[in-house]
Amino acid sequence: MNQTLRITEIFYSLQGETRSAGLPTVFVRLTGCPLRCQYCDTAYAFSGGEIMTLEEILAQVAGYRPRYVCVTGGEPLAQPNCIALLTALCDAGYEVSLETSGALDIAPVDVRVSRVVDLKTPGSAEVGRNRYENMAELTRNDQVKFVACSREDYDWAVSKIIEYRLDARAGEVLMSPSHKELDARTLADWIVADNLPVRMQLQLHKYLWNDEPGH
């Protein structure tokens, strides 16, 4: 029997964040998420979707002739067959990234995948779901992301960067302001003042397409 996944959407756009921001990328958005972050911008992916086989997904992705593919959600690792999808995409020759909340085990993910682990800050309302065992699994191919809603979130993120030596473990440490909650310039000033070893990012898709689905 073919392996299947529940897919909310597959689309071609510009990557809005992470180290490959601005690059044309195919996004494969899996349906479902066990978390309910208060700032979530993809609640439409919590339910519904379409059952697709791995072969159908790979064929649709190939139709765009991409170099980069991002598997996202929802929480993609909530579907066990996500692991097989990631490996299949790597085998097809794409540069593959995975956007995950970090609440689930990242160890089974193919080492060729850049795992973008979103450590949930107190302001997310889901800080208790962080699986800190994942920090020991990080490699220089991986990225750790913090979304800050406040100065408290920023200070919390700094403490985690120090505690887990994230700038040495991961290839990138990313920090972004929660859209419409924290002023981007304020966050930038904090990062500069502390000489923090992070890459500040703004979500490009929010400015270009106002967070419309399919972008």
N, C-alpha and C. Protein backbone atom coordinates (compact mmCIF):
# COMPACT_ATOMS: atom_id res chain seq x y z
N MET A 1 0.84 -1.21 0.00
CA MET A 1 0.00 0.00 0.00
C MET A 1 0.87 1.25 0.00
N ASN A 2 0.52 2.23 -0.84
CA ASN A 2 1.25 3.49 -0.88
C ASN A 2 1.11 4.24 0.43
N GLN A 3 2.21 4.87 0.87
CA GLN A 3 2.13 5.72 2.05
C GLN A 3 1.36 6.99 1.68
N THR A 4 0.53 7.45 2.60
CA THR A 4 -0.28 8.63 2.33
C THR A 4 -0.09 9.67 3.44
N LEU A 5 -0.39 10.91 3.09
CA LEU A 5 -0.39 12.02 4.04
C LEU A 5 -1.58 12.90 3.76
N ARG A 6 -2.02 13.63 4.80
CA ARG A 6 -3.08 14.61 4.62
C ARG A 6 -2.44 15.96 4.35
N ILE A 7 -2.75 16.52 3.19
CA ILE A 7 -2.09 17.73 2.71
C ILE A 7 -3.09 18.88 2.63
N THR A 8 -2.76 20.01 3.22
CA THR A 8 -3.59 21.21 3.11
C THR A 8 -3.37 21.92 1.79
N GLU A 9 -2.11 22.06 1.38
CA GLU A 9 -1.81 22.76 0.13
C GLU A 9 -0.37 22.49 -0.29
N ILE A 10 -0.14 22.56 -1.58
CA ILE A 10 1.19 22.56 -2.16
C ILE A 10 1.26 23.76 -3.09
N PHE A 11 2.22 24.63 -2.88
CA PHE A 11 2.28 25.86 -3.69
C PHE A 11 3.72 26.32 -3.85
N TYR A 12 3.92 27.18 -4.84
CA TYR A 12 5.24 27.73 -5.18
C TYR A 12 5.24 29.21 -4.85
N SER A 13 6.22 29.64 -4.07
CA SER A 13 6.28 31.04 -3.67
C SER A 13 7.72 31.37 -3.29
N LEU A 14 7.93 32.53 -2.68
CA LEU A 14 9.23 32.87 -2.10
C LEU A 14 9.26 32.43 -0.65
N GLN A 15 10.38 31.86 -0.24
CA GLN A 15 10.54 31.55 1.18
C GLN A 15 10.55 32.87 1.96
N GLY A 16 9.72 32.95 2.98
CA GLY A 16 9.57 34.20 3.71
C GLY A 16 10.52 34.38 4.88
N GLU A 17 11.15 33.29 5.32
CA GLU A 17 12.03 33.38 6.48
C GLU A 17 13.07 32.27 6.41
N THR A 18 13.86 32.13 7.47
CA THR A 18 14.96 31.17 7.60
C THR A 18 16.13 31.56 6.72
N ARG A 19 17.15 30.72 6.67
CA ARG A 19 18.38 31.08 5.95
C ARG A 19 18.17 31.17 4.44
N SER A 20 17.09 30.56 3.94
CA SER A 20 16.82 30.62 2.50
C SER A 20 15.74 31.64 2.15
N ALA A 21 15.55 32.64 3.01
CA ALA A 21 14.55 33.69 2.76
C ALA A 21 14.78 34.34 1.40
N GLY A 22 13.69 34.53 0.68
CA GLY A 22 13.74 35.18 -0.62
C GLY A 22 13.93 34.24 -1.79
N LEU A 23 14.23 32.96 -1.53
CA LEU A 23 14.46 32.02 -2.61
C LEU A 23 13.15 31.36 -3.05
N PRO A 24 12.92 31.21 -4.36
CA PRO A 24 11.73 30.49 -4.83
C PRO A 24 11.72 29.07 -4.27
N THR A 25 10.61 28.69 -3.66
CA THR A 25 10.51 27.44 -2.91
C THR A 25 9.13 26.84 -3.08
N VAL A 26 9.07 25.51 -3.18
CA VAL A 26 7.79 24.81 -3.11
C VAL A 26 7.51 24.47 -1.66
N PHE A 27 6.31 24.82 -1.22
CA PHE A 27 5.87 24.52 0.14
C PHE A 27 4.88 23.36 0.11
N VAL A 28 5.12 22.37 0.94
CA VAL A 28 4.20 21.27 1.13
C VAL A 28 3.65 21.41 2.55
N ARG A 29 2.40 21.85 2.66
CA ARG A 29 1.81 22.12 3.98
C ARG A 29 0.96 20.93 4.41
N LEU A 30 1.41 20.26 5.46
CA LEU A 30 0.68 19.12 6.01
C LEU A 30 -0.42 19.60 6.94
N THR A 31 -1.48 18.83 7.03
CA THR A 31 -2.64 19.18 7.84
C THR A 31 -2.47 18.66 9.27
N GLY A 32 -2.94 19.45 10.23
CA GLY A 32 -2.99 19.02 11.62
C GLY A 32 -1.88 19.60 12.47
N CYS A 33 -2.21 19.89 13.74
CA CYS A 33 -1.22 20.40 14.68
C CYS A 33 -1.72 20.18 16.09
N PRO A 34 -0.89 19.63 16.98
CA PRO A 34 -1.31 19.44 18.37
C PRO A 34 -1.15 20.68 19.23
N LEU A 35 -0.54 21.75 18.67
CA LEU A 35 -0.34 22.98 19.43
C LEU A 35 -1.36 24.03 19.02
N ARG A 36 -1.52 25.01 19.89
CA ARG A 36 -2.42 26.13 19.59
C ARG A 36 -1.74 27.44 20.02
N CYS A 37 -0.69 27.80 19.31
CA CYS A 37 0.03 29.04 19.61
C CYS A 37 -0.91 30.23 19.38
N GLN A 38 -0.87 31.20 20.27
CA GLN A 38 -1.85 32.29 20.20
C GLN A 38 -1.65 33.17 18.98
N TYR A 39 -0.45 33.16 18.39
CA TYR A 39 -0.21 34.00 17.21
C TYR A 39 -0.25 33.21 15.90
N CYS A 40 -0.75 32.00 15.93
CA CYS A 40 -0.71 31.12 14.76
C CYS A 40 -1.34 31.81 13.54
N ASP A 41 -0.65 31.72 12.40
CA ASP A 41 -1.16 32.32 11.16
C ASP A 41 -1.59 31.25 10.15
N THR A 42 -1.63 29.99 10.58
CA THR A 42 -2.03 28.93 9.66
C THR A 42 -3.08 28.02 10.30
N ALA A 43 -4.02 28.61 11.03
CA ALA A 43 -5.06 27.81 11.67
C ALA A 43 -5.90 27.05 10.65
N TYR A 44 -5.92 27.54 9.41
CA TYR A 44 -6.68 26.84 8.37
C TYR A 44 -6.12 25.45 8.08
N ALA A 45 -4.89 25.18 8.55
CA ALA A 45 -4.27 23.87 8.32
C ALA A 45 -4.53 22.90 9.47
N PHE A 46 -5.30 23.29 10.46
CA PHE A 46 -5.57 22.41 11.60
C PHE A 46 -6.40 21.19 11.20
N SER A 47 -7.24 21.35 10.20
CA SER A 47 -8.15 20.27 9.83
C SER A 47 -8.42 20.32 8.32
N GLY A 48 -9.16 19.32 7.85
CA GLY A 48 -9.47 19.27 6.43
C GLY A 48 -8.34 18.63 5.64
N GLY A 49 -7.98 19.24 4.54
CA GLY A 49 -6.91 18.73 3.71
C GLY A 49 -7.36 17.59 2.81
N GLU A 50 -6.41 17.11 2.03
CA GLU A 50 -6.65 16.06 1.04
C GLU A 50 -5.66 14.94 1.25
N ILE A 51 -6.14 13.69 1.23
CA ILE A 51 -5.25 12.55 1.33
C ILE A 51 -4.52 12.36 0.00
N MET A 52 -3.19 12.33 0.07
CA MET A 52 -2.37 12.15 -1.13
C MET A 52 -1.32 11.10 -0.86
N THR A 53 -0.96 10.35 -1.89
CA THR A 53 0.14 9.39 -1.78
C THR A 53 1.47 10.13 -1.93
N LEU A 54 2.55 9.48 -1.48
CA LEU A 54 3.87 10.06 -1.66
C LEU A 54 4.13 10.34 -3.15
N GLU A 55 3.73 9.41 -3.99
CA GLU A 55 3.96 9.58 -5.42
C GLU A 55 3.22 10.79 -5.96
N GLU A 56 2.00 11.02 -5.51
CA GLU A 56 1.23 12.18 -5.96
C GLU A 56 1.87 13.48 -5.49
N ILE A 57 2.34 13.49 -4.26
CA ILE A 57 3.00 14.69 -3.73
C ILE A 57 4.28 14.99 -4.52
N LEU A 58 5.10 13.96 -4.73
CA LEU A 58 6.36 14.15 -5.45
C LEU A 58 6.11 14.63 -6.88
N ALA A 59 5.07 14.10 -7.51
CA ALA A 59 4.76 14.52 -8.88
C ALA A 59 4.33 15.98 -8.93
N GLN A 60 3.54 16.41 -7.94
CA GLN A 60 3.09 17.81 -7.94
C GLN A 60 4.25 18.75 -7.67
N VAL A 61 5.12 18.36 -6.73
CA VAL A 61 6.31 19.17 -6.45
C VAL A 61 7.18 19.29 -7.69
N ALA A 62 7.41 18.17 -8.37
CA ALA A 62 8.29 18.16 -9.54
C ALA A 62 7.76 19.06 -10.65
N GLY A 63 6.44 19.22 -10.71
CA GLY A 63 5.84 20.07 -11.74
C GLY A 63 6.29 21.52 -11.67
N TYR A 64 6.75 21.96 -10.52
CA TYR A 64 7.23 23.34 -10.36
C TYR A 64 8.72 23.48 -10.70
N ARG A 65 9.41 22.35 -10.85
CA ARG A 65 10.85 22.34 -11.13
C ARG A 65 11.64 23.17 -10.12
N PRO A 66 11.43 22.93 -8.83
CA PRO A 66 12.08 23.76 -7.81
C PRO A 66 13.50 23.27 -7.47
N ARG A 67 14.24 24.14 -6.82
CA ARG A 67 15.50 23.75 -6.19
C ARG A 67 15.29 23.51 -4.70
N TYR A 68 14.38 24.29 -4.13
CA TYR A 68 14.14 24.26 -2.69
C TYR A 68 12.72 23.79 -2.39
N VAL A 69 12.59 22.93 -1.38
CA VAL A 69 11.29 22.46 -0.94
C VAL A 69 11.23 22.59 0.58
N CYS A 70 10.14 23.15 1.08
CA CYS A 70 9.93 23.31 2.51
C CYS A 70 8.69 22.53 2.92
N VAL A 71 8.85 21.61 3.86
CA VAL A 71 7.72 20.86 4.41
C VAL A 71 7.31 21.54 5.70
N THR A 72 6.04 21.95 5.77
CA THR A 72 5.58 22.77 6.86
C THR A 72 4.18 22.34 7.28
N GLY A 73 3.54 23.11 8.15
CA GLY A 73 2.21 22.76 8.64
C GLY A 73 1.44 24.00 9.04
N GLY A 74 0.62 23.89 10.11
CA GLY A 74 0.52 22.77 11.03
C GLY A 74 1.85 22.34 11.62
N GLU A 75 1.81 21.13 12.14
CA GLU A 75 3.00 20.47 12.65
C GLU A 75 3.21 19.23 11.81
N PRO A 76 4.14 19.27 10.84
CA PRO A 76 4.28 18.16 9.91
C PRO A 76 4.64 16.84 10.57
N LEU A 77 5.44 16.87 11.65
CA LEU A 77 5.87 15.63 12.28
C LEU A 77 4.74 14.93 13.03
N ALA A 78 3.58 15.56 13.14
CA ALA A 78 2.43 14.89 13.74
C ALA A 78 1.91 13.76 12.85
N GLN A 79 2.31 13.77 11.58
CA GLN A 79 1.97 12.69 10.66
C GLN A 79 3.21 11.80 10.48
N PRO A 80 3.15 10.54 10.93
CA PRO A 80 4.33 9.67 10.87
C PRO A 80 4.96 9.55 9.48
N ASN A 81 4.15 9.58 8.44
CA ASN A 81 4.68 9.42 7.09
C ASN A 81 5.43 10.64 6.58
N CYS A 82 5.45 11.70 7.38
CA CYS A 82 6.26 12.87 7.04
C CYS A 82 7.73 12.49 6.91
N ILE A 83 8.20 11.56 7.73
CA ILE A 83 9.61 11.14 7.69
C ILE A 83 9.94 10.57 6.32
N ALA A 84 9.07 9.71 5.79
CA ALA A 84 9.30 9.13 4.47
C ALA A 84 9.25 10.19 3.38
N LEU A 85 8.35 11.15 3.52
CA LEU A 85 8.25 12.23 2.53
C LEU A 85 9.54 13.04 2.49
N LEU A 86 10.08 13.38 3.64
CA LEU A 86 11.31 14.17 3.69
C LEU A 86 12.46 13.43 3.01
N THR A 87 12.59 12.15 3.29
CA THR A 87 13.65 11.36 2.67
C THR A 87 13.46 11.28 1.16
N ALA A 88 12.22 11.09 0.72
CA ALA A 88 11.94 11.00 -0.71
C ALA A 88 12.28 12.31 -1.42
N LEU A 89 11.99 13.44 -0.78
CA LEU A 89 12.31 14.74 -1.38
C LEU A 89 13.83 14.93 -1.49
N CYS A 90 14.56 14.50 -0.46
CA CYS A 90 16.02 14.57 -0.52
C CYS A 90 16.55 13.68 -1.63
N ASP A 91 16.00 12.47 -1.73
CA ASP A 91 16.43 11.54 -2.78
C ASP A 91 16.18 12.10 -4.17
N ALA A 92 15.16 12.94 -4.30
CA ALA A 92 14.84 13.54 -5.60
C ALA A 92 15.78 14.69 -5.96
N GLY A 93 16.66 15.05 -5.04
CA GLY A 93 17.69 16.04 -5.35
C GLY A 93 17.39 17.46 -4.90
N TYR A 94 16.30 17.68 -4.18
CA TYR A 94 15.97 19.03 -3.71
C TYR A 94 16.74 19.38 -2.44
N GLU A 95 16.92 20.67 -2.20
CA GLU A 95 17.35 21.14 -0.89
C GLU A 95 16.10 21.26 -0.04
N VAL A 96 16.04 20.51 1.06
CA VAL A 96 14.80 20.34 1.80
C VAL A 96 14.94 20.91 3.21
N SER A 97 13.92 21.65 3.61
CA SER A 97 13.84 22.13 4.99
C SER A 97 12.52 21.67 5.60
N LEU A 98 12.53 21.56 6.92
CA LEU A 98 11.35 21.16 7.69
C LEU A 98 11.09 22.22 8.73
N GLU A 99 9.87 22.75 8.75
CA GLU A 99 9.48 23.71 9.79
C GLU A 99 8.68 22.97 10.84
N THR A 100 9.23 22.87 12.05
CA THR A 100 8.60 22.10 13.12
C THR A 100 8.58 22.90 14.41
N SER A 101 7.56 22.65 15.21
CA SER A 101 7.44 23.36 16.48
C SER A 101 8.50 22.92 17.48
N GLY A 102 9.10 21.76 17.27
CA GLY A 102 10.05 21.25 18.25
C GLY A 102 9.39 20.53 19.40
N ALA A 103 8.08 20.35 19.34
CA ALA A 103 7.36 19.62 20.38
C ALA A 103 7.47 18.11 20.19
N LEU A 104 7.88 17.69 18.98
CA LEU A 104 7.99 16.28 18.64
C LEU A 104 9.44 15.93 18.32
N ASP A 105 9.76 14.66 18.39
CA ASP A 105 11.13 14.18 18.23
C ASP A 105 11.63 14.43 16.80
N ILE A 106 12.75 15.15 16.68
CA ILE A 106 13.31 15.42 15.36
C ILE A 106 14.37 14.39 14.95
N ALA A 107 14.74 13.49 15.85
CA ALA A 107 15.83 12.55 15.59
C ALA A 107 15.60 11.68 14.35
N PRO A 108 14.36 11.22 14.06
CA PRO A 108 14.18 10.35 12.89
C PRO A 108 14.29 11.06 11.54
N VAL A 109 14.37 12.37 11.53
CA VAL A 109 14.39 13.12 10.27
C VAL A 109 15.72 12.92 9.54
N ASP A 110 15.66 12.71 8.25
CA ASP A 110 16.84 12.53 7.40
C ASP A 110 17.86 13.64 7.67
N VAL A 111 19.13 13.27 7.82
CA VAL A 111 20.17 14.24 8.17
C VAL A 111 20.39 15.27 7.08
N ARG A 112 19.93 14.98 5.86
CA ARG A 112 20.09 15.94 4.77
C ARG A 112 19.12 17.10 4.87
N VAL A 113 18.10 16.96 5.69
CA VAL A 113 17.07 17.99 5.85
C VAL A 113 17.55 19.04 6.84
N SER A 114 17.34 20.31 6.51
CA SER A 114 17.58 21.38 7.48
C SER A 114 16.34 21.53 8.34
N ARG A 115 16.47 21.14 9.61
CA ARG A 115 15.34 21.17 10.53
C ARG A 115 15.27 22.55 11.18
N VAL A 116 14.18 23.26 10.93
CA VAL A 116 13.97 24.59 11.51
C VAL A 116 13.09 24.39 12.73
N VAL A 117 13.70 24.43 13.90
CA VAL A 117 13.01 24.10 15.16
C VAL A 117 12.58 25.39 15.84
N ASP A 118 11.28 25.57 15.97
CA ASP A 118 10.70 26.77 16.56
C ASP A 118 10.51 26.54 18.06
N LEU A 119 11.46 27.04 18.86
CA LEU A 119 11.30 26.94 20.31
C LEU A 119 10.23 27.94 20.75
N LYS A 120 9.20 27.43 21.38
CA LYS A 120 8.06 28.27 21.73
C LYS A 120 8.36 29.12 22.96
N THR A 121 8.19 30.42 22.80
CA THR A 121 8.43 31.37 23.88
C THR A 121 7.23 31.43 24.83
N PRO A 122 7.40 32.01 26.02
CA PRO A 122 6.25 32.13 26.93
C PRO A 122 5.06 32.82 26.30
N GLY A 123 5.30 33.83 25.46
CA GLY A 123 4.21 34.57 24.84
C GLY A 123 3.41 33.78 23.83
N SER A 124 3.93 32.64 23.40
CA SER A 124 3.22 31.81 22.42
C SER A 124 2.03 31.09 23.05
N ALA A 125 2.03 30.95 24.37
CA ALA A 125 1.04 30.17 25.14
C ALA A 125 1.27 28.67 25.02
N GLU A 126 2.39 28.26 24.43
CA GLU A 126 2.70 26.84 24.29
C GLU A 126 4.13 26.51 24.72
N VAL A 127 4.71 27.33 25.58
CA VAL A 127 6.10 27.11 26.01
C VAL A 127 6.27 25.76 26.69
N GLY A 128 5.21 25.26 27.32
CA GLY A 128 5.28 23.98 28.01
C GLY A 128 5.40 22.78 27.09
N ARG A 129 5.23 22.99 25.79
CA ARG A 129 5.29 21.87 24.83
C ARG A 129 6.68 21.66 24.26
N ASN A 130 7.64 22.52 24.58
CA ASN A 130 8.98 22.38 24.03
C ASN A 130 9.61 21.06 24.46
N ARG A 131 10.20 20.35 23.51
CA ARG A 131 10.90 19.08 23.77
C ARG A 131 12.40 19.39 23.74
N TYR A 132 12.96 19.67 24.91
CA TYR A 132 14.33 20.14 24.96
C TYR A 132 15.35 19.06 24.62
N GLU A 133 14.92 17.80 24.62
CA GLU A 133 15.82 16.73 24.16
C GLU A 133 16.26 16.95 22.72
N ASN A 134 15.45 17.69 21.97
CA ASN A 134 15.81 17.98 20.58
C ASN A 134 17.07 18.82 20.45
N MET A 135 17.40 19.58 21.48
CA MET A 135 18.56 20.45 21.39
C MET A 135 19.85 19.66 21.18
N ALA A 136 19.92 18.47 21.78
CA ALA A 136 21.11 17.62 21.63
C ALA A 136 21.20 17.02 20.23
N GLU A 137 20.12 17.04 19.47
CA GLU A 137 20.09 16.47 18.13
C GLU A 137 20.51 17.46 17.05
N LEU A 138 20.63 18.72 17.39
CA LEU A 138 20.89 19.75 16.39
C LEU A 138 22.27 19.60 15.76
N THR A 139 22.35 19.92 14.47
CA THR A 139 23.62 19.96 13.76
C THR A 139 23.76 21.32 13.09
N ARG A 140 24.89 21.54 12.46
CA ARG A 140 25.11 22.82 11.79
C ARG A 140 24.23 22.98 10.55
N ASN A 141 23.56 21.91 10.15
CA ASN A 141 22.61 21.99 9.04
C ASN A 141 21.25 22.49 9.50
N ASP A 142 21.05 22.58 10.81
CA ASP A 142 19.75 22.92 11.38
C ASP A 142 19.67 24.38 11.77
N GLN A 143 18.44 24.82 12.04
CA GLN A 143 18.17 26.20 12.43
C GLN A 143 17.22 26.21 13.62
N VAL A 144 17.45 27.13 14.54
CA VAL A 144 16.55 27.30 15.69
C VAL A 144 15.92 28.67 15.59
N LYS A 145 14.62 28.71 15.84
CA LYS A 145 13.86 29.94 15.64
C LYS A 145 13.14 30.34 16.93
N PHE A 146 13.14 31.62 17.21
CA PHE A 146 12.38 32.18 18.32
C PHE A 146 11.46 33.27 17.78
N VAL A 147 10.19 33.24 18.16
CA VAL A 147 9.26 34.33 17.86
C VAL A 147 9.00 35.07 19.17
N ALA A 148 9.42 36.32 19.23
CA ALA A 148 9.31 37.10 20.46
C ALA A 148 8.07 37.99 20.42
N CYS A 149 7.28 37.89 21.48
CA CYS A 149 6.09 38.74 21.61
C CYS A 149 6.33 39.92 22.53
N SER A 150 7.44 39.92 23.29
CA SER A 150 7.67 40.91 24.34
C SER A 150 9.13 40.87 24.78
N ARG A 151 9.50 41.79 25.67
CA ARG A 151 10.84 41.77 26.24
C ARG A 151 11.05 40.50 27.06
N GLU A 152 10.01 40.03 27.73
CA GLU A 152 10.12 38.78 28.48
C GLU A 152 10.49 37.62 27.55
N ASP A 153 9.86 37.56 26.40
CA ASP A 153 10.18 36.51 25.43
C ASP A 153 11.62 36.63 24.95
N TYR A 154 12.05 37.85 24.69
CA TYR A 154 13.42 38.08 24.23
C TYR A 154 14.41 37.59 25.27
N ASP A 155 14.22 37.99 26.53
CA ASP A 155 15.13 37.58 27.60
C ASP A 155 15.12 36.07 27.78
N TRP A 156 13.95 35.46 27.64
CA TRP A 156 13.83 34.00 27.74
C TRP A 156 14.63 33.34 26.62
N ALA A 157 14.51 33.86 25.41
CA ALA A 157 15.24 33.31 24.27
C ALA A 157 16.75 33.42 24.49
N VAL A 158 17.20 34.56 24.98
CA VAL A 158 18.63 34.73 25.26
C VAL A 158 19.11 33.67 26.25
N SER A 159 18.29 33.40 27.26
CA SER A 159 18.68 32.40 28.27
C SER A 159 18.80 31.02 27.66
N LYS A 160 17.93 30.68 26.71
CA LYS A 160 17.99 29.37 26.06
C LYS A 160 19.18 29.27 25.10
N ILE A 161 19.48 30.36 24.42
CA ILE A 161 20.65 30.38 23.54
C ILE A 161 21.91 30.08 24.35
N ILE A 162 22.00 30.68 25.53
CA ILE A 162 23.16 30.47 26.40
C ILE A 162 23.15 29.07 26.99
N GLU A 163 22.00 28.65 27.53
CA GLU A 163 21.91 27.35 28.21
C GLU A 163 22.27 26.19 27.29
N TYR A 164 21.79 26.23 26.06
CA TYR A 164 22.01 25.12 25.13
C TYR A 164 23.09 25.41 24.09
N ARG A 165 23.79 26.53 24.24
CA ARG A 165 24.87 26.91 23.31
C ARG A 165 24.39 26.80 21.86
N LEU A 166 23.24 27.38 21.61
CA LEU A 166 22.58 27.18 20.32
C LEU A 166 23.36 27.77 19.16
N ASP A 167 24.10 28.84 19.40
CA ASP A 167 24.88 29.43 18.31
C ASP A 167 26.02 28.51 17.87
N ALA A 168 26.44 27.60 18.75
CA ALA A 168 27.48 26.63 18.40
C ALA A 168 26.88 25.34 17.86
N ARG A 169 25.68 24.98 18.31
CA ARG A 169 25.05 23.72 17.89
C ARG A 169 24.41 23.82 16.52
N ALA A 170 23.65 24.88 16.31
CA ALA A 170 22.87 25.03 15.08
C ALA A 170 23.61 25.90 14.07
N GLY A 171 23.26 25.76 12.80
CA GLY A 171 23.87 26.60 11.78
C GLY A 171 23.37 28.03 11.83
N GLU A 172 22.12 28.19 12.24
CA GLU A 172 21.52 29.52 12.35
C GLU A 172 20.64 29.58 13.59
N VAL A 173 20.71 30.70 14.30
CA VAL A 173 19.72 31.02 15.33
C VAL A 173 18.95 32.22 14.82
N LEU A 174 17.65 32.06 14.68
CA LEU A 174 16.78 33.06 14.06
C LEU A 174 15.87 33.68 15.12
N MET A 175 15.64 34.96 15.01
CA MET A 175 14.71 35.61 15.93
C MET A 175 13.86 36.60 15.15
N SER A 176 12.55 36.53 15.39
CA SER A 176 11.64 37.44 14.69
C SER A 176 10.61 37.99 15.67
N PRO A 177 10.09 39.18 15.38
CA PRO A 177 9.03 39.73 16.22
C PRO A 177 7.69 39.12 15.85
N SER A 178 6.87 38.84 16.84
CA SER A 178 5.51 38.39 16.55
C SER A 178 4.79 39.54 15.84
N HIS A 179 4.28 39.24 14.66
CA HIS A 179 3.70 40.27 13.79
C HIS A 179 2.59 41.01 14.52
N LYS A 180 2.69 42.33 14.58
CA LYS A 180 1.73 43.23 15.22
C LYS A 180 1.73 43.15 16.74
N GLU A 181 2.64 42.37 17.33
CA GLU A 181 2.75 42.32 18.80
C GLU A 181 4.00 43.01 19.32
N LEU A 182 5.10 42.86 18.58
CA LEU A 182 6.36 43.47 18.98
C LEU A 182 6.93 44.24 17.80
N ASP A 183 7.27 45.49 18.03
CA ASP A 183 7.82 46.35 16.99
C ASP A 183 9.17 45.80 16.51
N ALA A 184 9.32 45.67 15.21
CA ALA A 184 10.52 45.07 14.65
C ALA A 184 11.77 45.88 14.98
N ARG A 185 11.65 47.19 14.94
CA ARG A 185 12.83 48.02 15.24
C ARG A 185 13.25 47.87 16.70
N THR A 186 12.28 47.70 17.58
CA THR A 186 12.60 47.49 18.99
C THR A 186 13.41 46.22 19.17
N LEU A 187 12.96 45.14 18.53
CA LEU A 187 13.70 43.89 18.61
C LEU A 187 15.10 44.05 18.03
N ALA A 188 15.22 44.74 16.92
CA ALA A 188 16.52 44.96 16.30
C ALA A 188 17.46 45.70 17.26
N ASP A 189 16.93 46.70 17.94
CA ASP A 189 17.75 47.47 18.88
C ASP A 189 18.24 46.59 20.03
N TRP A 190 17.38 45.70 20.54
CA TRP A 190 17.79 44.80 21.62
C TRP A 190 18.92 43.88 21.15
N ILE A 191 18.77 43.32 19.95
CA ILE A 191 19.77 42.40 19.41
C ILE A 191 21.12 43.09 19.25
N VAL A 192 21.10 44.30 18.70
CA VAL A 192 22.34 45.05 18.50
C VAL A 192 22.97 45.42 19.84
N ALA A 193 22.15 45.87 20.78
CA ALA A 193 22.67 46.28 22.09
C ALA A 193 23.35 45.13 22.81
N ASP A 194 22.82 43.92 22.64
CA ASP A 194 23.39 42.75 23.32
C ASP A 194 24.41 42.01 22.48
N ASN A 195 24.65 42.50 21.24
CA ASN A 195 25.57 41.79 20.34
C ASN A 195 25.22 40.31 20.26
N LEU A 196 23.94 40.04 20.11
CA LEU A 196 23.42 38.68 20.18
C LEU A 196 23.76 37.90 18.90
N PRO A 197 24.24 36.65 19.04
CA PRO A 197 24.64 35.87 17.86
C PRO A 197 23.44 35.23 17.16
N VAL A 198 22.56 36.08 16.64
CA VAL A 198 21.36 35.60 15.97
C VAL A 198 21.18 36.34 14.65
N ARG A 199 20.37 35.76 13.78
CA ARG A 199 19.94 36.45 12.56
C ARG A 199 18.52 36.92 12.79
N MET A 200 18.31 38.24 12.79
CA MET A 200 16.95 38.75 12.88
C MET A 200 16.26 38.57 11.54
N GLN A 201 14.99 38.19 11.59
CA GLN A 201 14.24 38.01 10.35
C GLN A 201 12.84 38.59 10.48
N LEU A 202 12.37 39.10 9.37
CA LEU A 202 10.97 39.51 9.24
C LEU A 202 10.32 38.55 8.26
N GLN A 203 9.06 38.25 8.46
CA GLN A 203 8.37 37.29 7.60
C GLN A 203 7.97 37.98 6.30
N LEU A 204 8.78 37.73 5.28
CA LEU A 204 8.65 38.41 3.99
C LEU A 204 7.25 38.27 3.39
N HIS A 205 6.65 37.09 3.55
CA HIS A 205 5.35 36.85 2.94
C HIS A 205 4.25 37.71 3.54
N LYS A 206 4.41 38.11 4.81
CA LYS A 206 3.41 38.98 5.43
C LYS A 206 3.42 40.36 4.79
N TYR A 207 4.58 40.81 4.36
CA TYR A 207 4.69 42.14 3.76
C TYR A 207 4.34 42.12 2.28
N LEU A 208 4.61 41.01 1.61
CA LEU A 208 4.34 40.93 0.18
C LEU A 208 2.89 40.56 -0.13
N TRP A 209 2.36 39.59 0.66
CA TRP A 209 1.04 39.03 0.33
C TRP A 209 0.06 39.07 1.49
N ASN A 210 0.41 39.77 2.56
CA ASN A 210 -0.51 39.93 3.69
C ASN A 210 -1.00 38.59 4.24
N ASP A 211 -0.09 37.59 4.20
CA ASP A 211 -0.37 36.28 4.79
C ASP A 211 -1.52 35.53 4.13
N GLU A 212 -1.78 35.81 2.87
CA GLU A 212 -2.85 35.09 2.17
C GLU A 212 -2.44 33.63 1.97
N PRO A 213 -3.36 32.66 2.14
CA PRO A 213 -3.05 31.26 1.85
C PRO A 213 -2.52 31.10 0.42
N GLY A 214 -1.60 30.16 0.25
CA GLY A 214 -1.03 29.96 -1.07
C GLY A 214 0.17 30.84 -1.34
N HIS A 215 0.63 31.59 -0.32
CA HIS A 215 1.84 32.40 -0.44
C HIS A 215 2.74 32.16 0.76
